[in-house]
Amino acid sequence: MIRVLVAGLGNMGLSHALAYHHNPDFQIVGLVNRSVPDLPPELQDYPLNHDYAEALQRLKPDLVCIATYSDSHADFAVAAMQAGAHVFVEKPLASNVADAQRVMDCAVETGRKLVVGYILRHHPSWQRLIAEARALGGPFVFRLNLNQQSSGPTWEVHKALMQTTSPIVDCGVHYVDVMCQITDAAPVEVRGMGLRLSDEIAADMYNYGQFQVLFEDGSVGWYEAGWGPMMSDTAFFVKDVVSPNGAVSIRMPEGVRSDDVDAHTMTSTLRVHRVGQGDEDLSMAGEPGHQELCDAEQAFVAKAIAEDLDLTRHMQDAVRSLAVCLAADESVRTGDPVKL
């Protein structure tokens, strides 16, 4: 049984903790949060700690789940691996590329497993989208976005996230990772732009951004993300992959709203358009929801530890997708394209 310490009990941390609670491969030995969170009944009997370093040293877990704000990810992950624990860390892996590489290097040096929370990698519908797109052949055009019309508590969470991370970095790593899996080509240049649409966030932060990424094989990608009560609920979820031979698109059902967390990974229907052959709609009925995907992520962590899986490519991809999104953030702030 894998003894796990969960650090950070926001939306993702709670979901991962529930996954551990229900999976017999894991035993939760402690929870860490700076404040006293509102816990679901299943988690209320686990010991709650407020000091991560103290809990890590005292509890000596086999695995640490890090779901804190991104500026603490690298230091928490390195401390855990140096203490002998494997690590699951939510995306983004770190706040800068140097720290992300430092975490990966530590995993290699210590022999610990490092799994990054790229939830779409565990979604059967997204796996199918990637396979269908690759079968069409490149070069590709990627049109991807995820805007959220957030208000109330969700807007408060977004404002807290934007103290350290812009929307195009926080969410963009998922979709750049998808682009890279489809092309297998290196990203070579990024061009970004953004705008601050609220006086409630820091003067040097923006809550709407978009970027274009150019790949070595000629593929091009567009990604857009915006947070806040001013965002439109129209066309908030665009997921298209286009090639010379056709396209693969996610078609969402009517009435889905951008503040529905399950909608962020939902596919509902994949439409495959093949030139000269028409369209084929693939039903994704029965696809997993948010909690089921978190369950699948943690089942993969258990498998990686038990079977000593080689996670080199997984870690490299996490660093690479973060590098693209951080380059986009740099481009937004400087107004200049960034070569990779």
C-alpha atoms as a PDB file:
ATOM      1  CA  MET A   1       0.000   0.000   0.000  1.00  0.00           C
ATOM      2  CA  ILE A   2       1.277   3.456  -0.958  1.00  0.00           C
ATOM      3  CA  ARG A   3       1.247   5.931   1.932  1.00  0.00           C
ATOM      4  CA  VAL A   4       0.347   9.347   0.534  1.00  0.00           C
ATOM      5  CA  LEU A   5       0.482  12.927   1.822  1.00  0.00           C
ATOM      6  CA  VAL A   6      -1.803  15.393  -0.012  1.00  0.00           C
ATOM      7  CA  ALA A   7      -0.654  19.038  -0.064  1.00  0.00           C
ATOM      8  CA  GLY A   8      -3.209  21.607  -1.224  1.00  0.00           C
ATOM      9  CA  LEU A   9      -6.945  21.052  -0.814  1.00  0.00           C
ATOM     10  CA  GLY A  10      -8.510  23.244  -3.465  1.00  0.00           C
ATOM     11  CA  ASN A  11     -10.622  21.830  -6.280  1.00  0.00           C
ATOM     12  CA  MET A  12      -7.966  19.496  -7.713  1.00  0.00           C
ATOM     13  CA  GLY A  13      -6.421  18.545  -4.375  1.00  0.00           C
ATOM     14  CA  LEU A  14      -9.783  17.442  -2.982  1.00  0.00           C
ATOM     15  CA  SER A  15     -10.486  15.384  -6.096  1.00  0.00           C
ATOM     16  CA  HIS A  16      -7.101  13.658  -5.862  1.00  0.00           C
ATOM     17  CA  ALA A  17      -7.584  13.029  -2.137  1.00  0.00           C
ATOM     18  CA  LEU A  18     -10.955  11.401  -2.871  1.00  0.00           C
ATOM     19  CA  ALA A  19      -9.260   9.262  -5.518  1.00  0.00           C
ATOM     20  CA  TYR A  20      -6.728   8.049  -2.946  1.00  0.00           C
ATOM     21  CA  HIS A  21      -9.469   7.468  -0.363  1.00  0.00           C
ATOM     22  CA  HIS A  22     -11.400   5.160  -2.682  1.00  0.00           C
ATOM     23  CA  ASN A  23      -8.401   3.319  -4.183  1.00  0.00           C
ATOM     24  CA  PRO A  24      -7.150   0.361  -2.068  1.00  0.00           C
ATOM     25  CA  ASP A  25      -3.631   0.847  -3.461  1.00  0.00           C
ATOM     26  CA  PHE A  26      -3.306   4.017  -1.348  1.00  0.00           C
ATOM     27  CA  GLN A  27      -3.466   5.017   2.309  1.00  0.00           C
ATOM     28  CA  ILE A  28      -3.751   8.726   3.115  1.00  0.00           C
ATOM     29  CA  VAL A  29      -1.448   9.519   6.037  1.00  0.00           C
ATOM     30  CA  GLY A  30      -2.079  13.254   6.114  1.00  0.00           C
ATOM     31  CA  LEU A  31      -3.539  16.327   4.451  1.00  0.00           C
ATOM     32  CA  VAL A  32      -1.782  19.697   4.245  1.00  0.00           C
ATOM     33  CA  ASN A  33      -3.453  23.063   3.754  1.00  0.00           C
ATOM     34  CA  ARG A  34      -2.616  26.577   4.921  1.00  0.00           C
ATOM     35  CA  SER A  35      -6.184  27.183   6.109  1.00  0.00           C
ATOM     36  CA  VAL A  36      -8.910  24.885   7.454  1.00  0.00           C
ATOM     37  CA  PRO A  37     -10.764  23.688   4.336  1.00  0.00           C
ATOM     38  CA  ASP A  38     -14.357  22.576   3.966  1.00  0.00           C
ATOM     39  CA  LEU A  39     -13.818  18.834   3.586  1.00  0.00           C
ATOM     40  CA  PRO A  40     -16.288  16.253   2.286  1.00  0.00           C
ATOM     41  CA  PRO A  41     -17.302  13.584   4.833  1.00  0.00           C
ATOM     42  CA  GLU A  42     -14.911  10.991   3.369  1.00  0.00           C
ATOM     43  CA  LEU A  43     -11.864  13.131   4.218  1.00  0.00           C
ATOM     44  CA  GLN A  44     -12.813  14.573   7.592  1.00  0.00           C
ATOM     45  CA  ASP A  45     -11.111  11.868   9.695  1.00  0.00           C
ATOM     46  CA  TYR A  46      -7.650  12.269   8.145  1.00  0.00           C
ATOM     47  CA  PRO A  47      -5.118  14.357  10.111  1.00  0.00           C
ATOM     48  CA  LEU A  48      -4.871  17.930   8.825  1.00  0.00           C
ATOM     49  CA  ASN A  49      -1.502  19.716   8.887  1.00  0.00           C
ATOM     50  CA  HIS A  50      -0.628  23.329   8.133  1.00  0.00           C
ATOM     51  CA  ASP A  51       3.163  22.966   7.787  1.00  0.00           C
ATOM     52  CA  TYR A  52       4.245  21.004   4.714  1.00  0.00           C
ATOM     53  CA  ALA A  53       7.904  20.566   5.696  1.00  0.00           C
ATOM     54  CA  GLU A  54       7.003  19.332   9.178  1.00  0.00           C
ATOM     55  CA  ALA A  55       4.384  16.892   7.870  1.00  0.00           C
ATOM     56  CA  LEU A  56       6.788  15.549   5.230  1.00  0.00           C
ATOM     57  CA  GLN A  57       9.505  14.899   7.792  1.00  0.00           C
ATOM     58  CA  ARG A  58       7.196  13.412  10.444  1.00  0.00           C
ATOM     59  CA  LEU A  59       4.933  11.254   8.261  1.00  0.00           C
ATOM     60  CA  LYS A  60       7.574   9.985   5.810  1.00  0.00           C
ATOM     61  CA  PRO A  61       5.095   9.232   2.997  1.00  0.00           C
ATOM     62  CA  ASP A  62       5.815   7.024  -0.017  1.00  0.00           C
ATOM     63  CA  LEU A  63       4.065   9.527  -2.295  1.00  0.00           C
ATOM     64  CA  VAL A  64       3.333  13.238  -2.085  1.00  0.00           C
ATOM     65  CA  CYS A  65       0.486  14.763  -4.068  1.00  0.00           C
ATOM     66  CA  ILE A  66       1.171  18.465  -4.688  1.00  0.00           C
ATOM     67  CA  ALA A  67      -1.903  20.509  -5.607  1.00  0.00           C
ATOM     68  CA  THR A  68      -0.846  23.862  -4.179  1.00  0.00           C
ATOM     69  CA  TYR A  69      -0.382  27.101  -6.149  1.00  0.00           C
ATOM     70  CA  SER A  70       2.177  26.742  -8.911  1.00  0.00           C
ATOM     71  CA  ASP A  71       4.894  28.905  -7.321  1.00  0.00           C
ATOM     72  CA  SER A  72       5.408  26.223  -4.639  1.00  0.00           C
ATOM     73  CA  HIS A  73       5.335  23.176  -6.942  1.00  0.00           C
ATOM     74  CA  ALA A  74       9.053  22.915  -7.651  1.00  0.00           C
ATOM     75  CA  ASP A  75      10.303  23.358  -4.077  1.00  0.00           C
ATOM     76  CA  PHE A  76       7.658  21.019  -2.656  1.00  0.00           C
ATOM     77  CA  ALA A  77       8.394  18.356  -5.293  1.00  0.00           C
ATOM     78  CA  VAL A  78      12.163  18.477  -4.797  1.00  0.00           C
ATOM     79  CA  ALA A  79      11.779  18.323  -1.019  1.00  0.00           C
ATOM     80  CA  ALA A  80       9.506  15.289  -1.326  1.00  0.00           C
ATOM     81  CA  MET A  81      11.844  13.382  -3.643  1.00  0.00           C
ATOM     82  CA  GLN A  82      14.872  14.198  -1.525  1.00  0.00           C
ATOM     83  CA  ALA A  83      12.927  12.814   1.451  1.00  0.00           C
ATOM     84  CA  GLY A  84      12.434   9.551  -0.467  1.00  0.00           C
ATOM     85  CA  ALA A  85       8.884  10.044  -1.762  1.00  0.00           C
ATOM     86  CA  HIS A  86       7.495   9.723  -5.248  1.00  0.00           C
ATOM     87  CA  VAL A  87       5.601  12.786  -6.504  1.00  0.00           C
ATOM     88  CA  PHE A  88       2.367  13.556  -8.264  1.00  0.00           C
ATOM     89  CA  VAL A  89       2.265  17.284  -9.016  1.00  0.00           C
ATOM     90  CA  GLU A  90      -0.554  19.257 -10.554  1.00  0.00           C
ATOM     91  CA  LYS A  91       0.143  21.238 -13.696  1.00  0.00           C
ATOM     92  CA  PRO A  92       1.959  23.447 -14.380  1.00  0.00           C
ATOM     93  CA  LEU A  93       5.055  21.633 -13.169  1.00  0.00           C
ATOM     94  CA  ALA A  94       6.691  24.908 -12.067  1.00  0.00           C
ATOM     95  CA  SER A  95       6.568  28.671 -12.539  1.00  0.00           C
ATOM     96  CA  ASN A  96       9.596  28.745 -14.845  1.00  0.00           C
ATOM     97  CA  VAL A  97      11.497  26.369 -17.101  1.00  0.00           C
ATOM     98  CA  ALA A  98      14.607  26.264 -14.910  1.00  0.00           C
ATOM     99  CA  ASP A  99      12.565  25.067 -11.934  1.00  0.00           C
ATOM    100  CA  ALA A 100      10.723  22.527 -14.082  1.00  0.00           C
ATOM    101  CA  GLN A 101      14.037  21.122 -15.275  1.00  0.00           C
ATOM    102  CA  ARG A 102      15.307  21.117 -11.678  1.00  0.00           C
ATOM    103  CA  VAL A 103      12.355  18.944 -10.644  1.00  0.00           C
ATOM    104  CA  MET A 104      12.907  16.524 -13.530  1.00  0.00           C
ATOM    105  CA  ASP A 105      16.641  16.327 -12.785  1.00  0.00           C
ATOM    106  CA  CYS A 106      15.861  15.545  -9.141  1.00  0.00           C
ATOM    107  CA  ALA A 107      13.549  12.705 -10.186  1.00  0.00           C
ATOM    108  CA  VAL A 108      16.300  11.221 -12.349  1.00  0.00           C
ATOM    109  CA  GLU A 109      18.953  11.619  -9.642  1.00  0.00           C
ATOM    110  CA  THR A 110      16.818  10.157  -6.840  1.00  0.00           C
ATOM    111  CA  GLY A 111      15.117   7.460  -8.899  1.00  0.00           C
ATOM    112  CA  ARG A 112      11.712   8.675  -7.732  1.00  0.00           C
ATOM    113  CA  LYS A 113       8.644   8.640  -9.976  1.00  0.00           C
ATOM    114  CA  LEU A 114       7.377  12.048 -11.081  1.00  0.00           C
ATOM    115  CA  VAL A 115       3.889  12.236 -12.617  1.00  0.00           C
ATOM    116  CA  VAL A 116       2.477  15.590 -13.743  1.00  0.00           C
ATOM    117  CA  GLY A 117      -1.282  16.174 -13.688  1.00  0.00           C
ATOM    118  CA  TYR A 118      -2.051  16.163 -17.404  1.00  0.00           C
ATOM    119  CA  ILE A 119      -5.573  14.868 -16.960  1.00  0.00           C
ATOM    120  CA  LEU A 120      -6.381  14.705 -20.700  1.00  0.00           C
ATOM    121  CA  ARG A 121      -3.768  11.961 -21.124  1.00  0.00           C
ATOM    122  CA  HIS A 122      -6.097   9.686 -19.131  1.00  0.00           C
ATOM    123  CA  HIS A 123      -9.270  10.593 -21.022  1.00  0.00           C
ATOM    124  CA  PRO A 124     -10.316   7.936 -23.575  1.00  0.00           C
ATOM    125  CA  SER A 125     -12.090  10.502 -25.765  1.00  0.00           C
ATOM    126  CA  TRP A 126      -9.029  12.746 -25.997  1.00  0.00           C
ATOM    127  CA  GLN A 127      -6.890   9.682 -26.691  1.00  0.00           C
ATOM    128  CA  ARG A 128      -9.258   8.906 -29.577  1.00  0.00           C
ATOM    129  CA  LEU A 129      -9.082  12.506 -30.850  1.00  0.00           C
ATOM    130  CA  ILE A 130      -5.285  12.337 -30.900  1.00  0.00           C
ATOM    131  CA  ALA A 131      -5.326   8.981 -32.713  1.00  0.00           C
ATOM    132  CA  GLU A 132      -7.862  10.166 -35.332  1.00  0.00           C
ATOM    133  CA  ALA A 133      -5.880  13.370 -35.974  1.00  0.00           C
ATOM    134  CA  ARG A 134      -2.584  11.516 -36.342  1.00  0.00           C
ATOM    135  CA  ALA A 135      -4.234   9.112 -38.796  1.00  0.00           C
ATOM    136  CA  LEU A 136      -5.131  12.072 -41.059  1.00  0.00           C
ATOM    137  CA  GLY A 137      -1.478  13.098 -41.321  1.00  0.00           C
ATOM    138  CA  GLY A 138       0.072  16.542 -41.016  1.00  0.00           C
ATOM    139  CA  PRO A 139       1.009  19.272 -41.092  1.00  0.00           C
ATOM    140  CA  PHE A 140      -1.751  20.383 -38.732  1.00  0.00           C
ATOM    141  CA  VAL A 141      -3.690  23.474 -37.732  1.00  0.00           C
ATOM    142  CA  PHE A 142      -4.754  23.452 -34.081  1.00  0.00           C
ATOM    143  CA  ARG A 143      -7.632  25.678 -32.934  1.00  0.00           C
ATOM    144  CA  LEU A 144      -8.106  25.258 -29.190  1.00  0.00           C
ATOM    145  CA  ASN A 145      -9.510  27.405 -26.417  1.00  0.00           C
ATOM    146  CA  LEU A 146     -10.979  27.249 -22.911  1.00  0.00           C
ATOM    147  CA  ASN A 147     -12.623  30.428 -21.655  1.00  0.00           C
ATOM    148  CA  GLN A 148     -14.425  30.510 -18.309  1.00  0.00           C
ATOM    149  CA  GLN A 149     -17.159  32.980 -17.361  1.00  0.00           C
ATOM    150  CA  SER A 150     -16.300  32.840 -13.676  1.00  0.00           C
ATOM    151  CA  SER A 151     -18.051  34.642 -10.842  1.00  0.00           C
ATOM    152  CA  GLY A 152     -18.380  34.376  -7.072  1.00  0.00           C
ATOM    153  CA  PRO A 153     -16.120  31.731  -5.489  1.00  0.00           C
ATOM    154  CA  THR A 154     -14.768  30.596  -8.868  1.00  0.00           C
ATOM    155  CA  TRP A 155     -13.666  34.124  -9.749  1.00  0.00           C
ATOM    156  CA  GLU A 156     -11.983  34.345  -6.337  1.00  0.00           C
ATOM    157  CA  VAL A 157     -10.055  31.157  -7.157  1.00  0.00           C
ATOM    158  CA  HIS A 158      -9.059  32.559 -10.544  1.00  0.00           C
ATOM    159  CA  LYS A 159      -7.876  35.836  -8.997  1.00  0.00           C
ATOM    160  CA  ALA A 160      -5.784  33.855  -6.510  1.00  0.00           C
ATOM    161  CA  LEU A 161      -4.272  31.768  -9.324  1.00  0.00           C
ATOM    162  CA  MET A 162      -3.413  34.928 -11.239  1.00  0.00           C
ATOM    163  CA  GLN A 163      -1.199  36.106  -8.406  1.00  0.00           C
ATOM    164  CA  THR A 164       1.384  33.713  -9.862  1.00  0.00           C
ATOM    165  CA  THR A 165       0.110  32.254 -13.160  1.00  0.00           C
ATOM    166  CA  SER A 166      -1.685  33.621 -16.218  1.00  0.00           C
ATOM    167  CA  PRO A 167      -4.644  31.724 -17.754  1.00  0.00           C
ATOM    168  CA  ILE A 168      -2.685  30.805 -20.890  1.00  0.00           C
ATOM    169  CA  VAL A 169      -0.039  29.086 -18.759  1.00  0.00           C
ATOM    170  CA  ASP A 170      -2.327  27.435 -16.206  1.00  0.00           C
ATOM    171  CA  CYS A 171      -4.648  25.836 -18.778  1.00  0.00           C
ATOM    172  CA  GLY A 172      -2.500  26.054 -21.888  1.00  0.00           C
ATOM    173  CA  VAL A 173      -0.063  23.315 -20.885  1.00  0.00           C
ATOM    174  CA  HIS A 174      -2.813  20.702 -21.388  1.00  0.00           C
ATOM    175  CA  TYR A 175      -3.518  21.760 -24.941  1.00  0.00           C
ATOM    176  CA  VAL A 176       0.079  22.354 -26.017  1.00  0.00           C
ATOM    177  CA  ASP A 177       0.722  18.824 -24.760  1.00  0.00           C
ATOM    178  CA  VAL A 178      -2.081  17.593 -27.043  1.00  0.00           C
ATOM    179  CA  MET A 179      -0.588  19.511 -29.989  1.00  0.00           C
ATOM    180  CA  CYS A 180       2.832  17.978 -29.349  1.00  0.00           C
ATOM    181  CA  GLN A 181       1.408  14.453 -29.085  1.00  0.00           C
ATOM    182  CA  ILE A 182      -0.305  14.848 -32.455  1.00  0.00           C
ATOM    183  CA  THR A 183       2.596  16.409 -34.386  1.00  0.00           C
ATOM    184  CA  ASP A 184       5.586  14.746 -32.701  1.00  0.00           C
ATOM    185  CA  ALA A 185       7.382  17.875 -33.971  1.00  0.00           C
ATOM    186  CA  ALA A 186       9.341  20.361 -31.915  1.00  0.00           C
ATOM    187  CA  PRO A 187       7.770  23.782 -31.276  1.00  0.00           C
ATOM    188  CA  VAL A 188      10.097  26.480 -32.638  1.00  0.00           C
ATOM    189  CA  GLU A 189       8.410  29.876 -32.147  1.00  0.00           C
ATOM    190  CA  VAL A 190       5.624  31.396 -30.041  1.00  0.00           C
ATOM    191  CA  ARG A 191       3.696  34.657 -30.505  1.00  0.00           C
ATOM    192  CA  GLY A 192       1.323  35.876 -27.798  1.00  0.00           C
ATOM    193  CA  MET A 193      -0.984  38.723 -26.882  1.00  0.00           C
ATOM    194  CA  GLY A 194      -3.178  39.449 -23.891  1.00  0.00           C
ATOM    195  CA  LEU A 195      -5.289  42.040 -22.116  1.00  0.00           C
ATOM    196  CA  ARG A 196      -6.169  42.959 -18.532  1.00  0.00           C
ATOM    197  CA  LEU A 197      -9.966  43.178 -18.420  1.00  0.00           C
ATOM    198  CA  SER A 198     -10.464  43.748 -14.685  1.00  0.00           C
ATOM    199  CA  ASP A 199      -9.234  46.170 -12.036  1.00  0.00           C
ATOM    200  CA  GLU A 200      -9.509  43.314  -9.517  1.00  0.00           C
ATOM    201  CA  ILE A 201      -6.237  41.747 -10.650  1.00  0.00           C
ATOM    202  CA  ALA A 202      -2.678  43.031 -10.432  1.00  0.00           C
ATOM    203  CA  ALA A 203      -1.659  45.759 -12.855  1.00  0.00           C
ATOM    204  CA  ASP A 204       1.021  43.518 -14.387  1.00  0.00           C
ATOM    205  CA  MET A 205      -1.339  40.544 -14.939  1.00  0.00           C
ATOM    206  CA  TYR A 206      -3.864  39.834 -17.707  1.00  0.00           C
ATOM    207  CA  ASN A 207      -6.946  37.646 -17.475  1.00  0.00           C
ATOM    208  CA  TYR A 208      -7.349  37.129 -21.237  1.00  0.00           C
ATOM    209  CA  GLY A 209      -4.622  35.815 -23.510  1.00  0.00           C
ATOM    210  CA  GLN A 210      -4.026  33.979 -26.757  1.00  0.00           C
ATOM    211  CA  PHE A 211      -0.974  32.671 -28.548  1.00  0.00           C
ATOM    212  CA  GLN A 212       0.194  31.056 -31.752  1.00  0.00           C
ATOM    213  CA  VAL A 213       2.854  28.349 -31.786  1.00  0.00           C
ATOM    214  CA  LEU A 214       4.824  27.263 -34.867  1.00  0.00           C
ATOM    215  CA  PHE A 215       6.206  23.730 -35.132  1.00  0.00           C
ATOM    216  CA  GLU A 216       9.219  22.328 -36.954  1.00  0.00           C
ATOM    217  CA  ASP A 217       7.029  20.323 -39.361  1.00  0.00           C
ATOM    218  CA  GLY A 218       5.094  23.435 -40.438  1.00  0.00           C
ATOM    219  CA  SER A 219       2.147  22.830 -38.120  1.00  0.00           C
ATOM    220  CA  VAL A 220       0.618  25.896 -36.456  1.00  0.00           C
ATOM    221  CA  GLY A 221      -1.462  26.136 -33.285  1.00  0.00           C
ATOM    222  CA  TRP A 222      -3.727  28.722 -31.676  1.00  0.00           C
ATOM    223  CA  TYR A 223      -4.765  28.680 -28.031  1.00  0.00           C
ATOM    224  CA  GLU A 224      -6.975  31.137 -26.133  1.00  0.00           C
ATOM    225  CA  ALA A 225      -7.904  31.367 -22.444  1.00  0.00           C
ATOM    226  CA  GLY A 226      -9.792  33.968 -20.455  1.00  0.00           C
ATOM    227  CA  TRP A 227     -11.172  34.062 -16.916  1.00  0.00           C
ATOM    228  CA  GLY A 228     -13.689  36.348 -15.263  1.00  0.00           C
ATOM    229  CA  PRO A 229     -17.288  37.545 -15.066  1.00  0.00           C
ATOM    230  CA  MET A 230     -16.889  39.516 -18.295  1.00  0.00           C
ATOM    231  CA  MET A 231     -16.017  36.510 -20.475  1.00  0.00           C
ATOM    232  CA  SER A 232     -18.481  35.351 -23.135  1.00  0.00           C
ATOM    233  CA  ASP A 233     -20.174  31.974 -22.796  1.00  0.00           C
ATOM    234  CA  THR A 234     -20.348  31.745 -26.602  1.00  0.00           C
ATOM    235  CA  ALA A 235     -17.674  29.625 -28.320  1.00  0.00           C
ATOM    236  CA  PHE A 236     -15.854  29.160 -25.019  1.00  0.00           C
ATOM    237  CA  PHE A 237     -14.888  25.598 -25.985  1.00  0.00           C
ATOM    238  CA  VAL A 238     -13.317  25.279 -29.446  1.00  0.00           C
ATOM    239  CA  LYS A 239     -11.379  22.104 -30.189  1.00  0.00           C
ATOM    240  CA  ASP A 240     -10.419  21.634 -33.862  1.00  0.00           C
ATOM    241  CA  VAL A 241      -7.516  19.831 -35.517  1.00  0.00           C
ATOM    242  CA  VAL A 242      -7.233  20.413 -39.283  1.00  0.00           C
ATOM    243  CA  SER A 243      -4.930  18.687 -41.771  1.00  0.00           C
ATOM    244  CA  PRO A 244      -4.660  18.595 -45.587  1.00  0.00           C
ATOM    245  CA  ASN A 245      -6.769  15.429 -45.459  1.00  0.00           C
ATOM    246  CA  GLY A 246      -9.583  16.577 -43.183  1.00  0.00           C
ATOM    247  CA  ALA A 247     -10.333  17.578 -39.615  1.00  0.00           C
ATOM    248  CA  VAL A 248     -11.253  16.247 -36.180  1.00  0.00           C
ATOM    249  CA  SER A 249     -13.464  18.387 -33.965  1.00  0.00           C
ATOM    250  CA  ILE A 250     -15.149  18.118 -30.591  1.00  0.00           C
ATOM    251  CA  ARG A 251     -18.821  19.004 -30.835  1.00  0.00           C
ATOM    252  CA  MET A 252     -20.361  20.004 -27.518  1.00  0.00           C
ATOM    253  CA  PRO A 253     -24.043  19.526 -26.660  1.00  0.00           C
ATOM    254  CA  GLU A 254     -26.310  22.558 -26.403  1.00  0.00           C
ATOM    255  CA  GLY A 255     -26.602  24.277 -23.046  1.00  0.00           C
ATOM    256  CA  VAL A 256     -23.165  23.422 -21.620  1.00  0.00           C
ATOM    257  CA  ARG A 257     -21.735  26.338 -19.646  1.00  0.00           C
ATOM    258  CA  SER A 258     -18.125  27.402 -19.228  1.00  0.00           C
ATOM    259  CA  ASP A 259     -18.351  27.257 -15.417  1.00  0.00           C
ATOM    260  CA  ASP A 260     -19.142  23.512 -15.477  1.00  0.00           C
ATOM    261  CA  VAL A 261     -15.879  21.788 -14.475  1.00  0.00           C
ATOM    262  CA  ASP A 262     -16.874  18.559 -16.256  1.00  0.00           C
ATOM    263  CA  ALA A 263     -17.275  20.570 -19.479  1.00  0.00           C
ATOM    264  CA  HIS A 264     -13.545  21.344 -19.443  1.00  0.00           C
ATOM    265  CA  THR A 265     -12.724  17.751 -20.402  1.00  0.00           C
ATOM    266  CA  MET A 266     -16.036  16.706 -21.996  1.00  0.00           C
ATOM    267  CA  THR A 267     -16.077  15.684 -25.650  1.00  0.00           C
ATOM    268  CA  SER A 268     -19.640  14.336 -26.164  1.00  0.00           C
ATOM    269  CA  THR A 269     -19.130  13.779 -29.929  1.00  0.00           C
ATOM    270  CA  LEU A 270     -16.066  13.679 -32.156  1.00  0.00           C
ATOM    271  CA  ARG A 271     -16.698  14.681 -35.767  1.00  0.00           C
ATOM    272  CA  VAL A 272     -14.124  13.276 -38.177  1.00  0.00           C
ATOM    273  CA  HIS A 273     -14.186  15.006 -41.568  1.00  0.00           C
ATOM    274  CA  ARG A 274     -12.273  13.272 -44.355  1.00  0.00           C
ATOM    275  CA  VAL A 275     -11.765  15.054 -47.662  1.00  0.00           C
ATOM    276  CA  GLY A 276     -13.869  13.384 -50.346  1.00  0.00           C
ATOM    277  CA  GLN A 277     -15.490  11.002 -47.856  1.00  0.00           C
ATOM    278  CA  GLY A 278     -17.779  13.225 -45.799  1.00  0.00           C
ATOM    279  CA  ASP A 279     -18.201  13.336 -42.041  1.00  0.00           C
ATOM    280  CA  GLU A 280     -18.345  10.628 -39.382  1.00  0.00           C
ATOM    281  CA  ASP A 281     -19.710  11.388 -35.888  1.00  0.00           C
ATOM    282  CA  LEU A 282     -18.227   9.280 -33.096  1.00  0.00           C
ATOM    283  CA  SER A 283     -20.326   9.218 -29.925  1.00  0.00           C
ATOM    284  CA  MET A 284     -18.331   9.530 -26.728  1.00  0.00           C
ATOM    285  CA  ALA A 285     -21.299   8.524 -24.549  1.00  0.00           C
ATOM    286  CA  GLY A 286     -20.283   7.169 -21.176  1.00  0.00           C
ATOM    287  CA  GLU A 287     -17.037   9.127 -21.041  1.00  0.00           C
ATOM    288  CA  PRO A 288     -15.585   9.743 -17.570  1.00  0.00           C
ATOM    289  CA  GLY A 289     -16.346  12.885 -15.574  1.00  0.00           C
ATOM    290  CA  HIS A 290     -13.901  15.012 -13.612  1.00  0.00           C
ATOM    291  CA  GLN A 291     -13.681  12.761 -10.537  1.00  0.00           C
ATOM    292  CA  GLU A 292     -13.370   9.602 -12.613  1.00  0.00           C
ATOM    293  CA  LEU A 293     -10.477  11.183 -14.515  1.00  0.00           C
ATOM    294  CA  CYS A 294      -8.734  12.028 -11.254  1.00  0.00           C
ATOM    295  CA  ASP A 295      -9.297   8.419 -10.186  1.00  0.00           C
ATOM    296  CA  ALA A 296      -7.662   7.276 -13.438  1.00  0.00           C
ATOM    297  CA  GLU A 297      -4.695   9.614 -12.948  1.00  0.00           C
ATOM    298  CA  GLN A 298      -3.977   8.199  -9.518  1.00  0.00           C
ATOM    299  CA  ALA A 299      -4.417   4.631 -10.735  1.00  0.00           C
ATOM    300  CA  PHE A 300      -1.684   5.452 -13.269  1.00  0.00           C
ATOM    301  CA  VAL A 301       0.529   6.764 -10.440  1.00  0.00           C
ATOM    302  CA  ALA A 302       0.091   3.470  -8.584  1.00  0.00           C
ATOM    303  CA  LYS A 303       0.938   1.538 -11.759  1.00  0.00           C
ATOM    304  CA  ALA A 304       4.024   3.697 -12.412  1.00  0.00           C
ATOM    305  CA  ILE A 305       5.338   2.944  -8.930  1.00  0.00           C
ATOM    306  CA  ALA A 306       4.400  -0.759  -8.834  1.00  0.00           C
ATOM    307  CA  GLU A 307       5.712  -1.548 -12.323  1.00  0.00           C
ATOM    308  CA  ASP A 308       8.663   0.874 -12.310  1.00  0.00           C
ATOM    309  CA  LEU A 309       7.457   2.562 -15.501  1.00  0.00           C
ATOM    310  CA  ASP A 310       9.919   4.686 -17.471  1.00  0.00           C
ATOM    311  CA  LEU A 311       8.502   8.226 -17.202  1.00  0.00           C
ATOM    312  CA  THR A 312      11.299   9.983 -19.101  1.00  0.00           C
ATOM    313  CA  ARG A 313       9.099  10.995 -22.072  1.00  0.00           C
ATOM    314  CA  HIS A 314       6.283  12.005 -19.716  1.00  0.00           C
ATOM    315  CA  MET A 315       8.594  14.364 -17.815  1.00  0.00           C
ATOM    316  CA  GLN A 316      10.201  15.761 -20.977  1.00  0.00           C
ATOM    317  CA  ASP A 317       6.773  16.509 -22.438  1.00  0.00           C
ATOM    318  CA  ALA A 318       5.739  18.304 -19.257  1.00  0.00           C
ATOM    319  CA  VAL A 319       8.818  20.538 -19.391  1.00  0.00           C
ATOM    320  CA  ARG A 320       8.372  21.202 -23.120  1.00  0.00           C
ATOM    321  CA  SER A 321       4.690  22.177 -22.943  1.00  0.00           C
ATOM    322  CA  LEU A 322       5.411  24.473 -20.003  1.00  0.00           C
ATOM    323  CA  ALA A 323       8.262  26.094 -21.946  1.00  0.00           C
ATOM    324  CA  VAL A 324       5.884  26.910 -24.813  1.00  0.00           C
ATOM    325  CA  CYS A 325       3.288  28.482 -22.520  1.00  0.00           C
ATOM    326  CA  LEU A 326       5.875  30.476 -20.589  1.00  0.00           C
ATOM    327  CA  ALA A 327       7.280  31.704 -23.911  1.00  0.00           C
ATOM    328  CA  ALA A 328       3.745  32.799 -24.813  1.00  0.00           C
ATOM    329  CA  ASP A 329       3.517  34.695 -21.526  1.00  0.00           C
ATOM    330  CA  GLU A 330       6.867  36.347 -22.276  1.00  0.00           C
ATOM    331  CA  SER A 331       5.617  37.311 -25.736  1.00  0.00           C
ATOM    332  CA  VAL A 332       2.475  38.858 -24.247  1.00  0.00           C
ATOM    333  CA  ARG A 333       4.561  40.968 -21.882  1.00  0.00           C
ATOM    334  CA  THR A 334       7.246  42.037 -24.377  1.00  0.00           C
ATOM    335  CA  GLY A 335       5.245  42.218 -27.586  1.00  0.00           C
ATOM    336  CA  ASP A 336       7.916  40.195 -29.382  1.00  0.00           C
ATOM    337  CA  PRO A 337       7.880  36.631 -30.773  1.00  0.00           C
ATOM    338  CA  VAL A 338       9.929  34.126 -28.784  1.00  0.00           C
ATOM    339  CA  LYS A 339      12.188  31.569 -30.481  1.00  0.00           C
ATOM    340  CA  LEU A 340      12.449  28.204 -28.739  1.00  0.00           C
END
